[in-house]
Amino acid sequence: MFYVATMPALTWAIVLLATLGWLTIAYRRHRAILFAPLPYVFALGQGAVAGLALYLTAQNSISMAACMTGMMGAQASMLLILVLLGTLFAFLIAARGRLLMVLNANRSFVIAFAVLQIVVTLILMRSAMLCTV
């Protein structure tokens, strides 16, 4: 976690933009699927919050805005990941064949969304860790 906190904000910004770009390309390729617009818009919002956390932390890492963005955002992001994993397992139990078919057909979108969740969580945790140092 020390490495996450000490990595420069510019590196995290580049990783965030690259991941959002990958998700956008995957979304434009798989626009016909029904579940794609909601996660895509949600991911753009998460990217904006993570970008805001990077900006606020770069300005003053112990400001109230940077601390609250990091602490509340990291917990909310981890909670969202747990909810998504629970939903995935519930669908695997209920409709395994159909879910696997949809996931395999849209593999790039699903993987890009999962990677974005990890990147956003790490960025928000970075903001929270720099606040406590």
Protein backbone atom coordinates (compact mmCIF):
# COMPACT_ATOMS: atom_id res chain seq x y z
CA MET A 1 0.00 0.00 0.00
CA PHE A 2 2.98 2.28 0.51
CA TYR A 3 3.71 2.00 -3.20
CA VAL A 4 0.14 3.02 -4.04
CA ALA A 5 0.44 6.11 -1.85
CA THR A 6 3.85 7.21 -3.13
CA MET A 7 3.16 6.75 -6.82
CA PRO A 8 2.85 10.17 -8.51
CA ALA A 9 -0.62 11.53 -9.27
CA LEU A 10 0.26 11.89 -12.96
CA THR A 11 0.85 8.14 -13.22
CA TRP A 12 -2.53 7.44 -11.63
CA ALA A 13 -4.18 9.98 -13.94
CA ILE A 14 -2.69 8.27 -17.00
CA VAL A 15 -3.81 4.83 -15.74
CA LEU A 16 -7.31 6.19 -15.04
CA LEU A 17 -7.63 7.81 -18.48
CA ALA A 18 -6.31 4.69 -20.21
CA THR A 19 -8.79 2.50 -18.36
CA LEU A 20 -11.68 4.88 -19.14
CA GLY A 21 -10.57 4.90 -22.78
CA TRP A 22 -10.51 1.10 -22.86
CA LEU A 23 -13.98 0.99 -21.32
CA THR A 24 -15.28 3.52 -23.85
CA ILE A 25 -13.91 1.49 -26.77
CA ALA A 26 -15.45 -1.68 -25.34
CA TYR A 27 -18.76 0.10 -24.78
CA ARG A 28 -18.90 1.43 -28.33
CA ARG A 29 -18.15 -2.06 -29.63
CA HIS A 30 -20.86 -3.73 -27.51
CA ARG A 31 -23.57 -1.06 -27.43
CA ALA A 32 -26.28 -3.52 -28.42
CA ILE A 33 -26.30 -5.30 -25.06
CA LEU A 34 -28.99 -4.19 -22.66
CA PHE A 35 -26.94 -3.88 -19.48
CA ALA A 36 -24.09 -1.77 -20.93
CA PRO A 37 -25.37 1.86 -20.64
CA LEU A 38 -25.95 1.87 -16.88
CA PRO A 39 -22.52 0.50 -15.87
CA TYR A 40 -20.86 2.75 -18.45
CA VAL A 41 -22.45 5.94 -17.11
CA PHE A 42 -21.77 4.78 -13.55
CA ALA A 43 -18.12 4.13 -14.46
CA LEU A 44 -17.79 7.62 -15.93
CA GLY A 45 -19.08 9.05 -12.66
CA GLN A 46 -16.62 6.94 -10.70
CA GLY A 47 -13.84 8.13 -12.97
CA ALA A 48 -14.83 11.73 -12.33
CA VAL A 49 -14.77 11.18 -8.56
CA ALA A 50 -11.38 9.47 -8.79
CA GLY A 51 -10.06 12.33 -10.93
CA LEU A 52 -11.38 14.81 -8.38
CA ALA A 53 -9.63 12.87 -5.62
CA LEU A 54 -6.37 12.99 -7.58
CA TYR A 55 -6.73 16.73 -8.11
CA LEU A 56 -7.66 17.54 -4.51
CA THR A 57 -4.87 15.37 -3.14
CA ALA A 58 -2.34 16.98 -5.47
CA GLN A 59 -3.41 20.44 -4.31
CA ASN A 60 -3.25 19.73 -0.57
CA SER A 61 -3.19 16.15 0.66
CA ILE A 62 -4.45 16.99 4.14
CA SER A 63 -7.30 19.29 3.14
CA MET A 64 -10.76 18.35 4.32
CA ALA A 65 -12.04 17.81 0.77
CA ALA A 66 -9.17 15.47 -0.14
CA CYS A 67 -9.55 13.51 3.10
CA MET A 68 -13.32 13.12 2.79
CA THR A 69 -13.10 12.18 -0.89
CA GLY A 70 -10.51 9.54 -0.08
CA MET A 71 -12.04 8.09 3.07
CA MET A 72 -15.68 8.05 2.00
CA GLY A 73 -14.96 7.24 -1.63
CA ALA A 74 -12.65 4.30 -0.87
CA GLN A 75 -15.19 2.71 1.45
CA ALA A 76 -18.03 3.27 -1.02
CA SER A 77 -15.94 1.83 -3.85
CA MET A 78 -15.04 -1.28 -1.87
CA LEU A 79 -18.69 -1.72 -0.90
CA LEU A 80 -19.68 -1.43 -4.56
CA ILE A 81 -17.17 -4.12 -5.51
CA LEU A 82 -18.65 -6.44 -2.88
CA VAL A 83 -22.18 -5.75 -4.15
CA LEU A 84 -21.11 -6.44 -7.74
CA LEU A 85 -19.42 -9.70 -6.73
CA GLY A 86 -22.50 -10.75 -4.75
CA THR A 87 -24.74 -9.98 -7.72
CA LEU A 88 -22.44 -11.91 -10.03
CA PHE A 89 -22.50 -14.97 -7.76
CA ALA A 90 -26.28 -14.75 -7.39
CA PHE A 91 -26.69 -14.70 -11.16
CA LEU A 92 -24.20 -17.56 -11.49
CA ILE A 93 -26.39 -19.64 -9.20
CA ALA A 94 -29.71 -18.63 -10.79
CA ALA A 95 -28.90 -18.43 -14.51
CA ARG A 96 -25.41 -19.78 -15.01
CA GLY A 97 -25.67 -20.67 -18.70
CA ARG A 98 -27.20 -17.42 -19.87
CA LEU A 99 -24.89 -15.27 -17.71
CA LEU A 100 -21.76 -17.01 -18.96
CA MET A 101 -22.97 -16.61 -22.52
CA VAL A 102 -23.50 -12.85 -22.04
CA LEU A 103 -20.16 -12.42 -20.23
CA ASN A 104 -18.25 -14.33 -22.91
CA ALA A 105 -19.88 -12.32 -25.70
CA ASN A 106 -18.93 -9.04 -23.99
CA ARG A 107 -15.66 -10.05 -22.39
CA SER A 108 -13.75 -6.84 -23.15
CA PHE A 109 -16.47 -4.64 -21.61
CA VAL A 110 -16.71 -6.77 -18.46
CA ILE A 111 -12.93 -6.91 -17.99
CA ALA A 112 -12.53 -3.17 -18.62
CA PHE A 113 -15.27 -2.44 -16.07
CA ALA A 114 -13.61 -4.72 -13.49
CA VAL A 115 -10.19 -3.13 -14.03
CA LEU A 116 -11.73 0.33 -13.70
CA GLN A 117 -13.26 -0.66 -10.35
CA ILE A 118 -9.82 -1.69 -9.09
CA VAL A 119 -8.12 1.47 -10.38
CA VAL A 120 -10.78 3.76 -8.88
CA THR A 121 -10.55 1.97 -5.53
CA LEU A 122 -6.77 2.29 -5.48
CA ILE A 123 -6.89 5.99 -6.38
CA LEU A 124 -9.40 6.70 -3.63
CA MET A 125 -7.37 4.64 -1.14
CA ARG A 126 -4.30 6.66 -2.17
CA SER A 127 -6.14 9.85 -1.31
CA ALA A 128 -7.19 8.43 2.06
CA MET A 129 -3.66 7.20 2.85
CA LEU A 130 -2.02 10.51 1.96
CA CYS A 131 -4.51 12.25 4.22
CA THR A 132 -3.42 10.23 7.22
CA VAL A 133 0.32 10.64 6.63
